[in-house]
């Protein structure tokens, strides 16, 4: 019998889940950078890996739009955490353990502990799948 809200969950567990999402995003970025290193003409070394991926994906010979969409979806929670984290709660009287983030429009979002764990797992699976792709996945068309 799995309990949706573990009574043992404490604030440090919540923050560990935030850290896990951020670290797994970093691992995914490293894998993206490995794929981006092939055919680096016209590269943007100071741009974020996701921005580099978008540009390379648009220029790629193969259709990598599915990868780009999946990476963009995976980035949503990471971006809220990295750019808008404003609080966290692990007290039962406040509800399920969650963090509070503010997006660029000022809208507040609650991300539950379980959703953080799921996001970390999704990021890791995405990284592992990307790792199995050929290094020249983003082979540039040269345009």
N, C-alpha and C. Protein backbone atom coordinates (compact mmCIF):
# COMPACT_ATOMS: atom_id res chain seq x y z
N UNK A 1 0.84 -1.18 0.00
CA UNK A 1 0.00 0.00 0.00
C UNK A 1 0.88 1.24 0.00
N UNK A 2 0.96 1.86 -1.14
CA UNK A 2 1.75 3.09 -1.25
C UNK A 2 0.89 4.27 -0.83
N UNK A 3 1.44 5.07 0.05
CA UNK A 3 0.77 6.27 0.51
C UNK A 3 1.22 7.43 -0.38
N UNK A 4 0.28 8.22 -0.91
CA UNK A 4 0.61 9.33 -1.81
C UNK A 4 1.50 10.35 -1.13
N UNK A 5 1.31 10.57 0.15
CA UNK A 5 2.13 11.52 0.90
C UNK A 5 2.79 10.75 2.02
N UNK A 6 4.09 10.57 1.90
CA UNK A 6 4.82 9.83 2.92
C UNK A 6 4.97 10.67 4.18
N UNK A 7 4.60 10.11 5.34
CA UNK A 7 4.73 10.89 6.57
C UNK A 7 6.19 11.16 6.93
N UNK A 8 7.11 10.40 6.35
CA UNK A 8 8.53 10.59 6.64
C UNK A 8 9.17 11.67 5.78
N UNK A 9 8.45 12.12 4.75
CA UNK A 9 9.01 13.10 3.84
C UNK A 9 9.25 14.42 4.57
N UNK A 10 10.44 14.92 4.48
CA UNK A 10 10.79 16.18 5.13
C UNK A 10 11.25 17.17 4.06
N UNK A 11 11.43 18.39 4.45
CA UNK A 11 11.81 19.44 3.52
C UNK A 11 13.09 19.10 2.77
N UNK A 12 14.05 18.48 3.44
CA UNK A 12 15.31 18.13 2.77
C UNK A 12 15.07 17.11 1.65
N UNK A 13 14.08 16.22 1.81
CA UNK A 13 13.74 15.29 0.74
C UNK A 13 13.19 16.04 -0.47
N UNK A 14 12.38 17.04 -0.21
CA UNK A 14 11.81 17.85 -1.27
C UNK A 14 12.91 18.58 -2.03
N UNK A 15 13.85 19.17 -1.29
CA UNK A 15 14.95 19.88 -1.93
C UNK A 15 15.88 18.92 -2.67
N UNK A 16 16.03 17.70 -2.15
CA UNK A 16 16.84 16.70 -2.85
C UNK A 16 16.21 16.37 -4.20
N UNK A 17 14.90 16.30 -4.24
CA UNK A 17 14.19 16.02 -5.50
C UNK A 17 14.40 17.17 -6.49
N UNK A 18 14.40 18.41 -5.99
CA UNK A 18 14.69 19.56 -6.85
C UNK A 18 16.10 19.42 -7.42
N UNK A 19 17.05 19.11 -6.56
CA UNK A 19 18.43 18.94 -7.00
C UNK A 19 18.59 17.82 -8.01
N UNK A 20 17.84 16.75 -7.81
CA UNK A 20 17.93 15.62 -8.74
C UNK A 20 17.45 16.03 -10.13
N UNK A 21 16.37 16.80 -10.21
CA UNK A 21 15.88 17.27 -11.51
C UNK A 21 16.96 18.13 -12.18
N UNK A 22 17.55 19.03 -11.42
CA UNK A 22 18.55 19.92 -11.99
C UNK A 22 19.80 19.17 -12.44
N UNK A 23 20.24 18.21 -11.64
CA UNK A 23 21.41 17.42 -12.03
C UNK A 23 21.13 16.56 -13.25
N UNK A 24 19.97 15.93 -13.29
CA UNK A 24 19.65 15.08 -14.44
C UNK A 24 19.48 15.93 -15.70
N UNK A 25 19.00 17.16 -15.56
CA UNK A 25 18.96 18.06 -16.71
C UNK A 25 20.38 18.33 -17.20
N UNK A 26 21.28 18.56 -16.27
CA UNK A 26 22.69 18.79 -16.64
C UNK A 26 23.28 17.61 -17.38
N UNK A 27 22.95 16.41 -16.96
CA UNK A 27 23.43 15.21 -17.65
C UNK A 27 22.85 15.14 -19.06
N UNK A 28 21.57 15.50 -19.21
CA UNK A 28 20.95 15.52 -20.53
C UNK A 28 21.64 16.57 -21.41
N UNK A 29 21.93 17.73 -20.85
CA UNK A 29 22.63 18.76 -21.63
C UNK A 29 23.99 18.27 -22.10
N UNK A 30 24.70 17.54 -21.25
CA UNK A 30 26.00 17.00 -21.67
C UNK A 30 25.84 16.06 -22.86
N UNK A 31 24.81 15.24 -22.83
CA UNK A 31 24.56 14.32 -23.95
C UNK A 31 24.18 15.10 -25.20
N UNK A 32 23.39 16.15 -25.04
CA UNK A 32 23.04 17.00 -26.18
C UNK A 32 24.30 17.64 -26.77
N UNK A 33 25.19 18.11 -25.90
CA UNK A 33 26.43 18.74 -26.38
C UNK A 33 27.30 17.76 -27.15
N UNK A 34 27.31 16.48 -26.73
CA UNK A 34 28.07 15.47 -27.48
C UNK A 34 27.54 15.36 -28.90
N UNK A 35 26.23 15.36 -29.05
CA UNK A 35 25.63 15.27 -30.38
C UNK A 35 25.89 16.55 -31.18
N UNK A 36 25.91 17.68 -30.49
CA UNK A 36 26.12 18.97 -31.16
C UNK A 36 27.56 19.16 -31.63
N UNK A 37 28.51 18.46 -31.01
CA UNK A 37 29.93 18.62 -31.36
C UNK A 37 30.22 18.16 -32.78
N UNK A 38 29.43 17.25 -33.31
CA UNK A 38 29.63 16.77 -34.68
C UNK A 38 29.15 17.86 -35.64
N UNK A 39 30.01 18.30 -36.54
CA UNK A 39 29.64 19.33 -37.52
C UNK A 39 29.37 20.67 -36.86
N UNK A 40 30.36 21.22 -36.18
CA UNK A 40 30.20 22.43 -35.39
C UNK A 40 30.24 23.73 -36.20
N UNK A 41 30.24 23.69 -37.52
CA UNK A 41 30.28 24.94 -38.26
C UNK A 41 29.07 25.80 -37.91
N UNK A 42 29.33 27.08 -37.73
CA UNK A 42 28.24 28.00 -37.38
C UNK A 42 27.70 27.78 -35.98
N UNK A 43 28.52 27.22 -35.12
CA UNK A 43 28.05 26.93 -33.76
C UNK A 43 27.90 28.21 -32.95
N UNK A 44 27.21 28.07 -31.84
CA UNK A 44 26.96 29.19 -30.92
C UNK A 44 27.48 28.78 -29.54
N UNK A 45 28.80 28.80 -29.33
CA UNK A 45 29.36 28.23 -28.10
C UNK A 45 28.87 28.89 -26.81
N UNK A 46 28.44 30.11 -26.86
CA UNK A 46 28.00 30.77 -25.63
C UNK A 46 26.50 30.63 -25.39
N UNK A 47 25.80 30.04 -26.33
CA UNK A 47 24.36 29.84 -26.17
C UNK A 47 24.11 28.59 -25.31
N UNK A 48 22.99 28.57 -24.65
CA UNK A 48 22.60 27.41 -23.85
C UNK A 48 22.46 26.20 -24.76
N UNK A 49 22.78 25.01 -24.24
CA UNK A 49 22.67 23.81 -25.07
C UNK A 49 21.30 23.63 -25.72
N UNK A 50 20.23 23.98 -25.02
CA UNK A 50 18.90 23.84 -25.61
C UNK A 50 18.74 24.76 -26.81
N UNK A 51 19.24 25.98 -26.72
CA UNK A 51 19.17 26.91 -27.85
C UNK A 51 20.02 26.38 -29.01
N UNK A 52 21.21 25.87 -28.71
CA UNK A 52 22.05 25.28 -29.75
C UNK A 52 21.33 24.11 -30.43
N UNK A 53 20.65 23.30 -29.61
CA UNK A 53 19.92 22.15 -30.14
C UNK A 53 18.81 22.60 -31.10
N UNK A 54 18.08 23.65 -30.70
CA UNK A 54 17.00 24.16 -31.55
C UNK A 54 17.53 24.56 -32.92
N UNK A 55 18.63 25.31 -32.92
CA UNK A 55 19.21 25.80 -34.17
C UNK A 55 19.73 24.62 -35.00
N UNK A 56 20.47 23.72 -34.37
CA UNK A 56 21.01 22.57 -35.09
C UNK A 56 19.89 21.67 -35.60
N UNK A 57 18.83 21.53 -34.81
CA UNK A 57 17.70 20.71 -35.23
C UNK A 57 17.01 21.27 -36.45
N UNK A 58 16.93 22.60 -36.53
CA UNK A 58 16.30 23.24 -37.70
C UNK A 58 17.15 23.06 -38.95
N UNK A 59 18.46 22.93 -38.77
CA UNK A 59 19.38 22.78 -39.91
C UNK A 59 19.66 21.31 -40.24
N UNK A 60 19.24 20.40 -39.41
CA UNK A 60 19.60 18.99 -39.55
C UNK A 60 19.05 18.39 -40.83
N UNK A 61 19.81 17.45 -41.37
CA UNK A 61 19.36 16.70 -42.55
C UNK A 61 18.20 15.79 -42.18
N UNK A 62 18.31 15.14 -41.03
CA UNK A 62 17.26 14.23 -40.56
C UNK A 62 16.22 15.01 -39.77
N UNK A 63 15.02 14.47 -39.69
CA UNK A 63 13.96 15.10 -38.90
C UNK A 63 14.18 14.76 -37.42
N UNK A 64 14.60 15.74 -36.66
CA UNK A 64 14.80 15.54 -35.22
C UNK A 64 13.77 16.32 -34.42
N UNK A 65 12.67 16.73 -35.06
CA UNK A 65 11.66 17.53 -34.38
C UNK A 65 11.06 16.77 -33.19
N UNK A 66 10.93 15.45 -33.31
CA UNK A 66 10.42 14.67 -32.19
C UNK A 66 11.33 14.77 -30.98
N UNK A 67 12.64 14.69 -31.21
CA UNK A 67 13.60 14.86 -30.12
C UNK A 67 13.48 16.26 -29.52
N UNK A 68 13.41 17.26 -30.39
CA UNK A 68 13.34 18.64 -29.90
C UNK A 68 12.09 18.84 -29.05
N UNK A 69 10.94 18.34 -29.51
CA UNK A 69 9.71 18.48 -28.73
C UNK A 69 9.82 17.78 -27.38
N UNK A 70 10.40 16.61 -27.38
CA UNK A 70 10.53 15.85 -26.13
C UNK A 70 11.48 16.57 -25.16
N UNK A 71 12.56 17.09 -25.67
CA UNK A 71 13.50 17.83 -24.83
C UNK A 71 12.86 19.10 -24.30
N UNK A 72 12.11 19.80 -25.15
CA UNK A 72 11.41 21.02 -24.71
C UNK A 72 10.42 20.70 -23.58
N UNK A 73 9.66 19.61 -23.72
CA UNK A 73 8.72 19.22 -22.64
C UNK A 73 9.47 18.92 -21.35
N UNK A 74 10.59 18.22 -21.48
CA UNK A 74 11.38 17.87 -20.31
C UNK A 74 11.97 19.11 -19.64
N UNK A 75 12.19 20.14 -20.43
CA UNK A 75 12.79 21.38 -19.90
C UNK A 75 11.81 22.22 -19.10
N UNK A 76 10.52 22.00 -19.25
CA UNK A 76 9.53 22.87 -18.61
C UNK A 76 9.69 22.92 -17.09
N UNK A 77 9.71 21.78 -16.43
CA UNK A 77 9.85 21.78 -14.97
C UNK A 77 11.23 22.28 -14.59
N UNK A 78 12.25 21.86 -15.31
CA UNK A 78 13.61 22.33 -15.01
C UNK A 78 13.69 23.85 -15.07
N UNK A 79 13.09 24.44 -16.11
CA UNK A 79 13.15 25.89 -16.25
C UNK A 79 12.41 26.60 -15.12
N UNK A 80 11.27 26.06 -14.71
CA UNK A 80 10.58 26.65 -13.56
C UNK A 80 11.46 26.60 -12.32
N UNK A 81 12.12 25.48 -12.10
CA UNK A 81 12.98 25.34 -10.92
C UNK A 81 14.20 26.25 -11.01
N UNK A 82 14.83 26.28 -12.17
CA UNK A 82 16.07 27.03 -12.32
C UNK A 82 15.86 28.53 -12.34
N UNK A 83 14.71 28.97 -12.86
CA UNK A 83 14.52 30.41 -13.06
C UNK A 83 13.40 31.02 -12.22
N UNK A 84 12.64 30.18 -11.52
CA UNK A 84 11.50 30.74 -10.80
C UNK A 84 11.18 30.13 -9.46
N UNK A 85 12.07 29.34 -8.89
CA UNK A 85 11.81 28.71 -7.60
C UNK A 85 11.68 29.77 -6.51
N UNK A 86 10.52 29.78 -5.84
CA UNK A 86 10.31 30.80 -4.80
C UNK A 86 9.90 30.22 -3.45
N UNK A 87 9.74 28.90 -3.37
CA UNK A 87 9.38 28.34 -2.08
C UNK A 87 9.15 26.85 -2.14
N UNK A 88 9.00 26.28 -0.96
CA UNK A 88 8.72 24.87 -0.86
C UNK A 88 8.02 24.58 0.45
N UNK A 89 7.17 23.54 0.44
CA UNK A 89 6.40 23.19 1.62
C UNK A 89 6.36 21.68 1.78
N UNK A 90 6.63 21.21 2.99
CA UNK A 90 6.55 19.78 3.28
C UNK A 90 5.72 19.53 4.54
N UNK A 91 4.94 20.51 4.95
CA UNK A 91 4.10 20.35 6.13
C UNK A 91 2.74 19.80 5.72
N UNK A 92 2.25 18.79 6.41
CA UNK A 92 0.95 18.19 6.04
C UNK A 92 -0.20 19.21 5.99
N UNK A 93 -0.17 20.23 6.83
CA UNK A 93 -1.28 21.19 6.84
C UNK A 93 -1.31 22.06 5.58
N UNK A 94 -0.23 22.08 4.81
CA UNK A 94 -0.17 22.85 3.58
C UNK A 94 -0.57 21.98 2.38
N UNK A 95 -0.66 20.70 2.58
CA UNK A 95 -1.01 19.78 1.50
C UNK A 95 0.17 18.90 1.14
N UNK A 96 0.06 18.26 0.00
CA UNK A 96 1.14 17.38 -0.46
C UNK A 96 2.44 18.18 -0.57
N UNK A 97 3.57 17.58 -0.24
CA UNK A 97 4.85 18.29 -0.36
C UNK A 97 5.03 18.81 -1.78
N UNK A 98 5.40 20.09 -1.88
CA UNK A 98 5.54 20.71 -3.19
C UNK A 98 6.46 21.91 -3.12
N UNK A 99 6.95 22.30 -4.29
CA UNK A 99 7.67 23.57 -4.42
C UNK A 99 6.78 24.53 -5.17
N UNK A 100 7.05 25.80 -4.99
CA UNK A 100 6.30 26.84 -5.68
C UNK A 100 7.28 27.58 -6.59
N UNK A 101 6.89 27.74 -7.85
CA UNK A 101 7.71 28.44 -8.83
C UNK A 101 6.86 29.51 -9.51
N UNK A 102 7.53 30.54 -9.97
CA UNK A 102 6.87 31.61 -10.71
C UNK A 102 7.42 31.59 -12.13
N UNK A 103 6.54 31.56 -13.12
CA UNK A 103 7.01 31.55 -14.50
C UNK A 103 7.29 32.99 -14.96
N UNK A 104 7.70 33.14 -16.20
CA UNK A 104 8.08 34.46 -16.72
C UNK A 104 6.91 35.44 -16.77
N UNK A 105 5.68 34.91 -16.77
CA UNK A 105 4.50 35.77 -16.78
C UNK A 105 4.02 36.09 -15.37
N UNK A 106 4.73 35.61 -14.37
CA UNK A 106 4.36 35.85 -12.99
C UNK A 106 3.35 34.86 -12.43
N UNK A 107 2.97 33.86 -13.20
CA UNK A 107 2.01 32.85 -12.75
C UNK A 107 2.74 31.87 -11.84
N UNK A 108 2.10 31.56 -10.71
CA UNK A 108 2.69 30.61 -9.76
C UNK A 108 2.25 29.19 -10.08
N UNK A 109 3.21 28.27 -9.95
CA UNK A 109 2.97 26.86 -10.20
C UNK A 109 3.41 26.06 -8.99
N UNK A 110 2.61 25.09 -8.59
CA UNK A 110 3.00 24.14 -7.55
C UNK A 110 3.44 22.86 -8.23
N UNK A 111 4.62 22.38 -7.86
CA UNK A 111 5.13 21.13 -8.40
C UNK A 111 5.28 20.17 -7.23
N UNK A 112 4.49 19.11 -7.24
CA UNK A 112 4.50 18.14 -6.14
C UNK A 112 5.77 17.31 -6.17
N UNK A 113 6.12 16.81 -4.99
CA UNK A 113 7.30 15.96 -4.84
C UNK A 113 7.27 14.81 -5.84
N UNK A 114 6.13 14.15 -5.96
CA UNK A 114 6.00 13.02 -6.89
C UNK A 114 6.27 13.46 -8.33
N UNK A 115 5.86 14.66 -8.68
CA UNK A 115 6.10 15.17 -10.03
C UNK A 115 7.58 15.48 -10.25
N UNK A 116 8.26 15.92 -9.20
CA UNK A 116 9.71 16.15 -9.31
C UNK A 116 10.44 14.83 -9.56
N UNK A 117 10.04 13.80 -8.83
CA UNK A 117 10.67 12.48 -8.99
C UNK A 117 10.39 11.97 -10.41
N UNK A 118 9.16 12.12 -10.87
CA UNK A 118 8.81 11.67 -12.23
C UNK A 118 9.61 12.46 -13.27
N UNK A 119 9.77 13.75 -13.07
CA UNK A 119 10.53 14.58 -14.02
C UNK A 119 11.99 14.14 -14.07
N UNK A 120 12.57 13.84 -12.92
CA UNK A 120 13.97 13.38 -12.88
C UNK A 120 14.11 12.06 -13.63
N UNK A 121 13.16 11.17 -13.45
CA UNK A 121 13.20 9.88 -14.15
C UNK A 121 13.04 10.07 -15.66
N UNK A 122 12.15 10.95 -16.05
CA UNK A 122 11.95 11.24 -17.48
C UNK A 122 13.22 11.80 -18.10
N UNK A 123 13.87 12.72 -17.39
CA UNK A 123 15.11 13.30 -17.90
C UNK A 123 16.18 12.23 -18.07
N UNK A 124 16.27 11.33 -17.11
CA UNK A 124 17.28 10.28 -17.19
C UNK A 124 17.00 9.32 -18.34
N UNK A 125 15.74 8.94 -18.51
CA UNK A 125 15.39 8.05 -19.62
C UNK A 125 15.64 8.72 -20.97
N UNK A 126 15.33 10.00 -21.05
CA UNK A 126 15.57 10.75 -22.28
C UNK A 126 17.06 10.79 -22.59
N UNK A 127 17.87 11.03 -21.57
CA UNK A 127 19.33 11.05 -21.75
C UNK A 127 19.84 9.70 -22.24
N UNK A 128 19.36 8.63 -21.62
CA UNK A 128 19.80 7.29 -22.02
C UNK A 128 19.41 6.97 -23.45
N UNK A 129 18.20 7.36 -23.84
CA UNK A 129 17.75 7.12 -25.22
C UNK A 129 18.58 7.94 -26.21
N UNK A 130 18.84 9.20 -25.85
CA UNK A 130 19.64 10.06 -26.72
C UNK A 130 21.06 9.52 -26.86
N UNK A 131 21.59 8.97 -25.79
CA UNK A 131 22.94 8.41 -25.80
C UNK A 131 23.05 7.28 -26.83
N UNK A 132 21.98 6.52 -27.01
CA UNK A 132 21.98 5.40 -27.95
C UNK A 132 21.87 5.84 -29.41
N UNK A 133 21.54 7.09 -29.64
CA UNK A 133 21.45 7.60 -31.01
C UNK A 133 22.86 7.80 -31.59
N UNK A 134 22.98 7.77 -32.93
CA UNK A 134 24.30 8.00 -33.55
C UNK A 134 24.82 9.40 -33.21
N UNK A 135 26.13 9.51 -33.12
CA UNK A 135 26.73 10.80 -32.80
C UNK A 135 26.37 11.88 -33.81
N UNK A 136 26.16 11.48 -35.07
CA UNK A 136 25.85 12.45 -36.12
C UNK A 136 24.35 12.65 -36.29
N UNK A 137 23.59 12.43 -35.23
CA UNK A 137 22.13 12.58 -35.26
C UNK A 137 21.72 13.92 -35.86
N UNK A 138 22.45 14.97 -35.52
CA UNK A 138 22.11 16.31 -35.99
C UNK A 138 22.90 16.71 -37.23
N UNK A 139 23.42 15.75 -37.96
CA UNK A 139 24.21 16.04 -39.16
C UNK A 139 23.67 17.25 -39.89
N UNK A 140 24.45 18.31 -39.96
CA UNK A 140 24.02 19.57 -40.55
C UNK A 140 23.93 19.50 -42.06
N UNK A 141 23.00 20.22 -42.59
CA UNK A 141 22.84 20.31 -44.05
C UNK A 141 23.86 21.28 -44.65
N UNK A 142 24.59 21.97 -43.77
CA UNK A 142 25.60 22.92 -44.24
C UNK A 142 25.04 24.26 -44.66
N UNK A 143 23.75 24.49 -44.43
CA UNK A 143 23.17 25.77 -44.82
C UNK A 143 23.21 26.74 -43.67
